[in-house]
């Protein structure tokens, strides 16, 4: 179904932006994995609104409740249900939008598909739905730590509008990224990015940008040939996030400017392991991880809700205008960082469990 993601490790998210709450049911979690409520809450705190001066001021504590699947700090192997209650709801801010379609939002397309929609806050199309993904990924991260220690997923803001950060995927740390409210790994770009967000917000406008992500320590062998290639699964995962408009891995579109000789990653034996001397493949070849860092980028459009008047139509087919109301991010990038990390963790965890189920681990090269 459309609200489920994954195979061996599977999440099913539920809830609307201004409903009673949002959450996730997580299935496929192995038993006896150490897990606490704090593990989940830590990740939700990184995603929640109202955490800095450059994000939406909606006041939500996003306090998680674990309803099942856990006892004495260990997973039972049964489904884990997590719910977060909505507290700061203001449906009155959406009265006008109940009859006027917001440009570049999902209002019209949801009506076209279902003939009915949640009128307040975008319902399932709201980024608030990602709470379930982040909570599910917090569990997936504990599974990875338990079964395959050493895998690390880090994302950061690569660009906002025309401001580009210089970040080394090999050396950037979580402390560098989380040490500023923009969540970029380039100290020189922190203040310019903050000022750009404040500037466009003051104009009633918005901006987009790019989040870059690295998966370190991923063993070779993850990913399925043909349809479930690891980069295809990552692309689907990232483009399922709200406001995403593009995905590229390794050299991406820039690789089209190179010849095969320039683009190929030569192999070398290093300390008894097969390694590559470059990484334009982005850590994946033939849809399967090769043991190098997996590096990809995700493009996010400018926030659709802007506080200036725009042309639109009503749900009865009349031309009109609409100015945004309510509380919204002028730039989604800082809060998108933990969402990108979450989806990457979910993909890696799912494929690790699929690999264990199919071949019991990772065969030797001469097997």
Protein backbone atom coordinates (compact mmCIF):
# COMPACT_ATOMS: atom_id res chain seq x y z
CA UNK A 1 0.00 0.00 0.00
CA UNK A 2 1.06 3.60 -0.54
CA UNK A 3 1.82 4.28 3.12
CA UNK A 4 4.19 1.31 3.50
CA UNK A 5 7.90 1.18 2.73
CA UNK A 6 10.42 -1.67 2.77
CA UNK A 7 10.36 -5.45 2.49
CA UNK A 8 12.25 -7.35 5.21
CA UNK A 9 12.24 -4.24 7.42
CA UNK A 10 8.91 -2.54 6.77
CA UNK A 11 7.29 0.63 8.07
CA UNK A 12 3.69 1.79 7.71
CA UNK A 13 3.06 5.43 8.62
CA UNK A 14 -0.32 6.90 9.56
CA UNK A 15 -1.97 10.16 10.59
CA UNK A 16 -2.69 13.65 9.22
CA UNK A 17 -1.00 16.97 9.93
CA UNK A 18 -3.88 18.37 12.01
CA UNK A 19 -5.48 15.11 13.12
CA UNK A 20 -5.17 13.50 16.52
CA UNK A 21 -1.64 12.30 15.90
CA UNK A 22 0.85 10.68 13.55
CA UNK A 23 2.95 7.57 13.87
CA UNK A 24 4.34 4.37 12.49
CA UNK A 25 4.05 0.58 12.72
CA UNK A 26 7.44 -1.09 12.26
CA UNK A 27 7.56 -4.75 11.25
CA UNK A 28 10.46 -7.11 10.64
CA UNK A 29 12.52 -5.93 13.62
CA UNK A 30 14.72 -8.79 14.87
CA UNK A 31 14.28 -9.78 18.54
CA UNK A 32 16.63 -8.81 21.36
CA UNK A 33 17.85 -5.58 19.77
CA UNK A 34 18.59 -2.97 22.49
CA UNK A 35 16.12 -0.07 22.12
CA UNK A 36 14.81 2.71 24.36
CA UNK A 37 12.28 5.49 23.98
CA UNK A 38 15.18 7.95 24.19
CA UNK A 39 16.71 6.45 21.02
CA UNK A 40 13.56 7.39 19.11
CA UNK A 41 13.01 10.72 20.84
CA UNK A 42 16.54 11.90 20.03
CA UNK A 43 15.87 11.59 16.30
CA UNK A 44 12.42 13.16 16.52
CA UNK A 45 13.87 16.17 18.34
CA UNK A 46 16.12 16.81 15.34
CA UNK A 47 13.10 16.85 13.01
CA UNK A 48 10.54 18.73 15.10
CA UNK A 49 9.26 22.25 14.31
CA UNK A 50 10.06 25.31 16.41
CA UNK A 51 13.66 24.29 17.10
CA UNK A 52 15.33 27.45 15.75
CA UNK A 53 14.63 30.92 14.41
CA UNK A 54 14.74 29.82 10.76
CA UNK A 55 12.11 27.06 10.83
CA UNK A 56 8.33 27.00 11.27
CA UNK A 57 7.26 28.27 14.71
CA UNK A 58 4.61 25.58 15.16
CA UNK A 59 4.98 24.44 18.77
CA UNK A 60 5.05 20.65 18.88
CA UNK A 61 7.04 18.69 21.44
CA UNK A 62 6.74 15.58 19.24
CA UNK A 63 6.83 13.32 22.28
CA UNK A 64 6.83 9.70 21.21
CA UNK A 65 4.89 6.86 22.83
CA UNK A 66 5.85 3.23 22.20
CA UNK A 67 2.70 1.11 22.25
CA UNK A 68 4.06 -2.36 21.46
CA UNK A 69 7.01 -4.56 20.54
CA UNK A 70 9.36 -3.66 23.40
CA UNK A 71 10.05 -4.99 26.88
CA UNK A 72 12.86 -4.25 29.32
CA UNK A 73 14.80 -2.25 26.74
CA UNK A 74 14.79 -4.99 24.09
CA UNK A 75 12.75 -5.63 20.97
CA UNK A 76 10.42 -8.63 21.01
CA UNK A 77 10.56 -9.39 17.29
CA UNK A 78 6.91 -8.34 17.00
CA UNK A 79 5.57 -5.12 15.41
CA UNK A 80 6.59 -1.89 17.15
CA UNK A 81 3.95 0.85 17.17
CA UNK A 82 4.98 4.47 17.85
CA UNK A 83 2.57 7.40 18.06
CA UNK A 84 3.09 11.16 18.46
CA UNK A 85 0.07 13.23 19.44
CA UNK A 86 -0.60 16.50 17.62
CA UNK A 87 -0.89 19.40 20.08
CA UNK A 88 -0.58 22.79 18.34
CA UNK A 89 -3.42 22.52 15.82
CA UNK A 90 -4.89 25.60 14.15
CA UNK A 91 -7.38 24.38 11.56
CA UNK A 92 -8.91 27.88 11.35
CA UNK A 93 -5.82 29.04 9.47
CA UNK A 94 -6.92 26.81 6.58
CA UNK A 95 -10.56 27.92 6.17
CA UNK A 96 -9.88 29.81 2.95
CA UNK A 97 -7.73 26.98 1.61
CA UNK A 98 -10.62 24.57 2.02
CA UNK A 99 -12.10 25.97 -1.18
CA UNK A 100 -9.00 27.47 -2.85
CA UNK A 101 -6.23 25.20 -4.10
CA UNK A 102 -2.77 26.20 -2.87
CA UNK A 103 -0.38 26.50 -5.85
CA UNK A 104 2.18 23.66 -6.07
CA UNK A 105 0.59 21.84 -3.11
CA UNK A 106 -1.24 18.49 -3.20
CA UNK A 107 -4.71 20.04 -2.68
CA UNK A 108 -5.92 19.71 -6.26
CA UNK A 109 -4.29 16.35 -6.98
CA UNK A 110 -5.70 14.77 -3.81
CA UNK A 111 -9.18 15.99 -4.80
CA UNK A 112 -8.63 14.68 -8.33
CA UNK A 113 -7.62 11.26 -7.01
CA UNK A 114 -9.88 10.72 -3.97
CA UNK A 115 -12.65 13.31 -4.27
CA UNK A 116 -11.99 14.20 -0.61
CA UNK A 117 -9.01 15.46 1.39
CA UNK A 118 -7.90 16.59 4.84
CA UNK A 119 -8.44 20.33 4.58
CA UNK A 120 -6.07 21.44 7.36
CA UNK A 121 -2.31 21.48 6.94
CA UNK A 122 -2.17 19.26 3.89
CA UNK A 123 -3.11 16.05 5.70
CA UNK A 124 -0.91 13.17 4.57
CA UNK A 125 0.94 15.46 2.14
CA UNK A 126 2.34 17.45 5.05
CA UNK A 127 5.95 16.98 6.15
CA UNK A 128 4.48 16.06 9.54
CA UNK A 129 3.93 12.59 8.09
CA UNK A 130 7.71 12.12 8.17
CA UNK A 131 7.59 11.74 11.96
CA UNK A 132 6.74 8.08 11.38
CA UNK A 133 9.67 7.66 9.00
CA UNK A 134 12.14 9.23 11.42
CA UNK A 135 10.84 7.11 14.31
CA UNK A 136 11.07 3.97 12.16
CA UNK A 137 14.61 4.87 11.13
CA UNK A 138 15.63 5.32 14.77
CA UNK A 139 14.71 1.67 15.28
CA UNK A 140 16.45 0.68 12.03
CA UNK A 141 19.61 2.43 13.21
CA UNK A 142 19.65 0.31 16.37
CA UNK A 143 19.22 -2.82 14.22
CA UNK A 144 22.22 -1.79 12.10
CA UNK A 145 24.31 -1.10 15.20
CA UNK A 146 23.35 -4.54 16.53
CA UNK A 147 23.87 -6.59 13.37
CA UNK A 148 26.49 -4.65 11.39
CA UNK A 149 28.36 -2.12 13.58
CA UNK A 150 30.25 0.63 11.79
CA UNK A 151 27.62 1.82 9.32
CA UNK A 152 27.18 5.60 9.62
CA UNK A 153 24.71 7.79 7.75
CA UNK A 154 25.27 11.55 7.71
CA UNK A 155 23.45 14.23 5.71
CA UNK A 156 24.01 17.96 5.53
CA UNK A 157 22.81 21.04 3.65
CA UNK A 158 24.89 21.28 0.49
CA UNK A 159 23.22 24.39 -0.90
CA UNK A 160 20.47 26.90 -0.22
CA UNK A 161 19.32 28.87 -3.26
CA UNK A 162 22.58 29.90 -4.98
CA UNK A 163 24.75 29.52 -1.86
CA UNK A 164 26.93 26.41 -2.07
CA UNK A 165 28.75 24.78 0.83
CA UNK A 166 32.06 22.95 0.50
CA UNK A 167 31.87 19.75 2.55
CA UNK A 168 34.14 16.68 2.43
CA UNK A 169 32.01 13.51 2.67
CA UNK A 170 35.06 11.60 3.90
CA UNK A 171 35.71 13.74 6.98
CA UNK A 172 32.57 15.70 7.92
CA UNK A 173 31.25 14.86 11.40
CA UNK A 174 27.84 14.84 13.02
CA UNK A 175 29.09 17.43 15.50
CA UNK A 176 29.99 19.83 12.68
CA UNK A 177 26.59 19.41 11.06
CA UNK A 178 24.51 19.64 14.24
CA UNK A 179 26.61 22.53 15.56
CA UNK A 180 24.66 25.09 13.52
CA UNK A 181 20.96 25.66 12.89
CA UNK A 182 21.32 25.39 9.10
CA UNK A 183 22.88 21.90 9.41
CA UNK A 184 25.65 22.51 6.91
CA UNK A 185 29.16 21.14 7.32
CA UNK A 186 30.79 24.31 6.00
CA UNK A 187 31.30 26.91 8.80
CA UNK A 188 31.88 29.67 6.26
CA UNK A 189 28.38 29.26 4.82
CA UNK A 190 26.39 29.17 8.07
CA UNK A 191 25.72 32.90 8.43
CA UNK A 192 25.16 33.58 4.69
CA UNK A 193 22.60 30.75 4.57
CA UNK A 194 20.83 31.97 7.72
CA UNK A 195 20.65 35.49 6.32
CA UNK A 196 19.30 34.26 2.98
CA UNK A 197 16.49 32.33 4.69
CA UNK A 198 15.60 35.34 6.86
CA UNK A 199 15.68 37.62 3.82
CA UNK A 200 13.27 35.58 1.71
CA UNK A 201 10.99 34.95 4.70
CA UNK A 202 10.78 38.71 5.26
CA UNK A 203 9.68 39.06 1.64
CA UNK A 204 6.95 36.45 2.11
CA UNK A 205 8.86 34.13 -0.19
CA UNK A 206 10.80 30.85 0.04
CA UNK A 207 13.90 29.06 -1.27
CA UNK A 208 15.03 25.50 -1.91
CA UNK A 209 18.37 23.74 -2.12
CA UNK A 210 20.25 20.45 -1.99
CA UNK A 211 20.92 17.98 0.82
CA UNK A 212 23.97 15.74 0.39
CA UNK A 213 24.35 12.44 2.22
CA UNK A 214 27.10 9.87 2.81
CA UNK A 215 26.70 6.26 3.96
CA UNK A 216 30.00 5.12 5.45
CA UNK A 217 30.98 1.60 6.40
CA UNK A 218 28.39 -0.09 4.20
CA UNK A 219 29.66 -3.59 3.38
CA UNK A 220 29.89 -4.73 -0.25
CA UNK A 221 26.98 -6.85 -1.43
CA UNK A 222 23.86 -4.87 -0.47
CA UNK A 223 21.27 -4.32 -3.18
CA UNK A 224 19.34 -6.56 -5.56
CA UNK A 225 19.97 -6.90 -9.31
CA UNK A 226 17.59 -5.34 -11.81
CA UNK A 227 14.57 -3.67 -10.18
CA UNK A 228 15.67 -3.32 -6.55
CA UNK A 229 19.12 -1.90 -7.20
CA UNK A 230 20.43 -0.07 -4.16
CA UNK A 231 20.55 3.31 -5.91
CA UNK A 232 17.03 2.74 -7.27
CA UNK A 233 15.77 2.04 -3.75
CA UNK A 234 17.56 5.15 -2.44
CA UNK A 235 16.10 7.24 -5.26
CA UNK A 236 12.57 6.05 -4.49
CA UNK A 237 13.11 6.64 -0.79
CA UNK A 238 14.36 10.19 -1.28
CA UNK A 239 11.81 11.20 -3.89
CA UNK A 240 9.03 9.98 -1.57
CA UNK A 241 9.95 12.81 0.83
CA UNK A 242 7.86 16.00 0.61
CA UNK A 243 9.22 18.79 -1.62
CA UNK A 244 11.87 16.63 -3.37
CA UNK A 245 12.46 17.21 -7.07
CA UNK A 246 15.73 15.49 -7.93
CA UNK A 247 18.17 12.72 -7.00
CA UNK A 248 21.70 11.96 -8.15
CA UNK A 249 24.39 9.58 -6.91
CA UNK A 250 28.16 9.65 -7.30
CA UNK A 251 29.12 11.79 -10.27
CA UNK A 252 25.44 12.26 -11.08
CA UNK A 253 24.62 14.47 -14.04
CA UNK A 254 28.17 15.87 -14.05
CA UNK A 255 29.38 12.42 -15.04
CA UNK A 256 27.84 12.89 -18.47
CA UNK A 257 30.62 15.38 -19.23
CA UNK A 258 33.34 12.74 -18.71
CA UNK A 259 34.63 9.97 -20.96
CA UNK A 260 34.58 6.35 -19.82
CA UNK A 261 38.32 6.46 -19.14
CA UNK A 262 37.84 9.51 -16.94
CA UNK A 263 34.77 8.17 -15.17
CA UNK A 264 35.70 4.55 -14.41
CA UNK A 265 36.82 3.67 -10.85
CA UNK A 266 39.97 1.49 -11.05
CA UNK A 267 40.21 -1.47 -8.64
CA UNK A 268 43.15 -2.12 -6.29
CA UNK A 269 43.78 -4.57 -3.45
CA UNK A 270 44.27 -2.66 -0.19
CA UNK A 271 44.98 -4.61 3.00
CA UNK A 272 43.39 -7.70 1.55
CA UNK A 273 40.22 -5.93 0.39
CA UNK A 274 38.96 -4.91 -3.04
CA UNK A 275 38.90 -1.11 -3.16
CA UNK A 276 38.57 1.58 -5.83
CA UNK A 277 41.05 4.40 -6.30
CA UNK A 278 38.24 6.85 -7.10
CA UNK A 279 34.52 6.86 -6.32
CA UNK A 280 32.61 8.36 -9.22
CA UNK A 281 30.22 5.39 -8.96
CA UNK A 282 29.12 6.71 -5.57
CA UNK A 283 29.71 3.41 -3.79
CA UNK A 284 27.29 1.35 -5.92
CA UNK A 285 28.01 -0.68 -9.07
CA UNK A 286 25.49 -2.90 -10.84
CA UNK A 287 22.96 -1.85 -8.21
CA UNK A 288 25.05 -3.44 -5.43
CA UNK A 289 27.23 -1.70 -2.83
CA UNK A 290 30.98 -2.09 -3.45
CA UNK A 291 32.21 -1.15 0.02
CA UNK A 292 33.12 2.46 -0.78
CA UNK A 293 31.28 5.46 0.64
CA UNK A 294 27.80 5.85 -0.84
CA UNK A 295 27.37 9.53 -1.70
CA UNK A 296 24.20 11.05 -3.12
CA UNK A 297 22.34 14.37 -3.33
CA UNK A 298 18.65 15.27 -3.08
CA UNK A 299 17.10 18.45 -4.51
CA UNK A 300 14.33 20.19 -2.55
CA UNK A 301 12.08 22.77 -4.17
CA UNK A 302 11.25 26.13 -2.55
CA UNK A 303 8.50 25.77 0.07
CA UNK A 304 5.17 25.91 -1.76
CA UNK A 305 3.40 28.08 0.83
CA UNK A 306 4.45 31.72 0.43
CA UNK A 307 2.90 34.76 2.07
CA UNK A 308 2.17 36.66 -1.13
CA UNK A 309 -0.87 36.52 -3.37
CA UNK A 310 -0.87 33.99 -6.22
CA UNK A 311 -3.31 33.00 -8.93
CA UNK A 312 -5.28 29.81 -8.29
CA UNK A 313 -8.73 28.27 -8.70
CA UNK A 314 -11.48 27.14 -6.34
CA UNK A 315 -12.73 23.58 -5.95
CA UNK A 316 -15.79 24.67 -7.93
CA UNK A 317 -13.71 25.81 -10.93
CA UNK A 318 -13.54 29.59 -10.45
CA UNK A 319 -10.41 31.68 -10.99
CA UNK A 320 -9.27 33.50 -7.86
CA UNK A 321 -6.20 34.46 -5.80
CA UNK A 322 -4.74 33.13 -2.57
CA UNK A 323 -2.07 34.31 -0.13
CA UNK A 324 -0.52 31.80 2.24
CA UNK A 325 -1.45 31.71 5.92
CA UNK A 326 -0.38 29.61 8.87
CA UNK A 327 3.10 28.64 10.05
CA UNK A 328 5.54 27.34 7.48
CA UNK A 329 9.24 26.94 6.77
CA UNK A 330 10.66 29.51 4.37
CA UNK A 331 13.26 26.83 3.59
CA UNK A 332 12.79 23.12 4.34
CA UNK A 333 16.47 22.19 4.05
CA UNK A 334 17.56 22.34 7.74
CA UNK A 335 14.72 20.06 8.84
CA UNK A 336 15.08 17.85 5.76
CA UNK A 337 18.53 16.66 6.86
CA UNK A 338 17.26 14.13 9.45
CA UNK A 339 14.56 13.04 7.01
CA UNK A 340 17.13 12.20 4.32
CA UNK A 341 19.22 10.33 6.89
CA UNK A 342 16.13 8.44 8.03
CA UNK A 343 15.20 7.21 4.56
CA UNK A 344 18.79 6.16 3.85
CA UNK A 345 18.93 4.19 7.12
CA UNK A 346 15.64 2.47 6.28
CA UNK A 347 16.94 1.39 2.86
CA UNK A 348 20.25 0.07 4.21
CA UNK A 349 18.58 -1.79 7.09
CA UNK A 350 16.02 -3.36 4.76
CA UNK A 351 18.70 -4.56 2.34
CA UNK A 352 20.92 -5.85 5.12
CA UNK A 353 18.07 -8.04 6.38
CA UNK A 354 17.19 -9.09 2.83
CA UNK A 355 20.81 -10.10 2.26
CA UNK A 356 20.86 -12.15 5.49
CA UNK A 357 17.60 -13.83 4.51
CA UNK A 358 18.74 -14.67 0.98
CA UNK A 359 22.34 -15.84 1.43
CA UNK A 360 22.87 -15.70 5.20
CA UNK A 361 25.41 -12.89 5.01
CA UNK A 362 28.11 -11.94 2.51
CA UNK A 363 29.79 -14.70 0.49
CA UNK A 364 33.53 -14.72 -0.09
CA UNK A 365 34.65 -13.47 -3.55
CA UNK A 366 35.58 -17.03 -4.61
CA UNK A 367 32.43 -18.69 -3.20
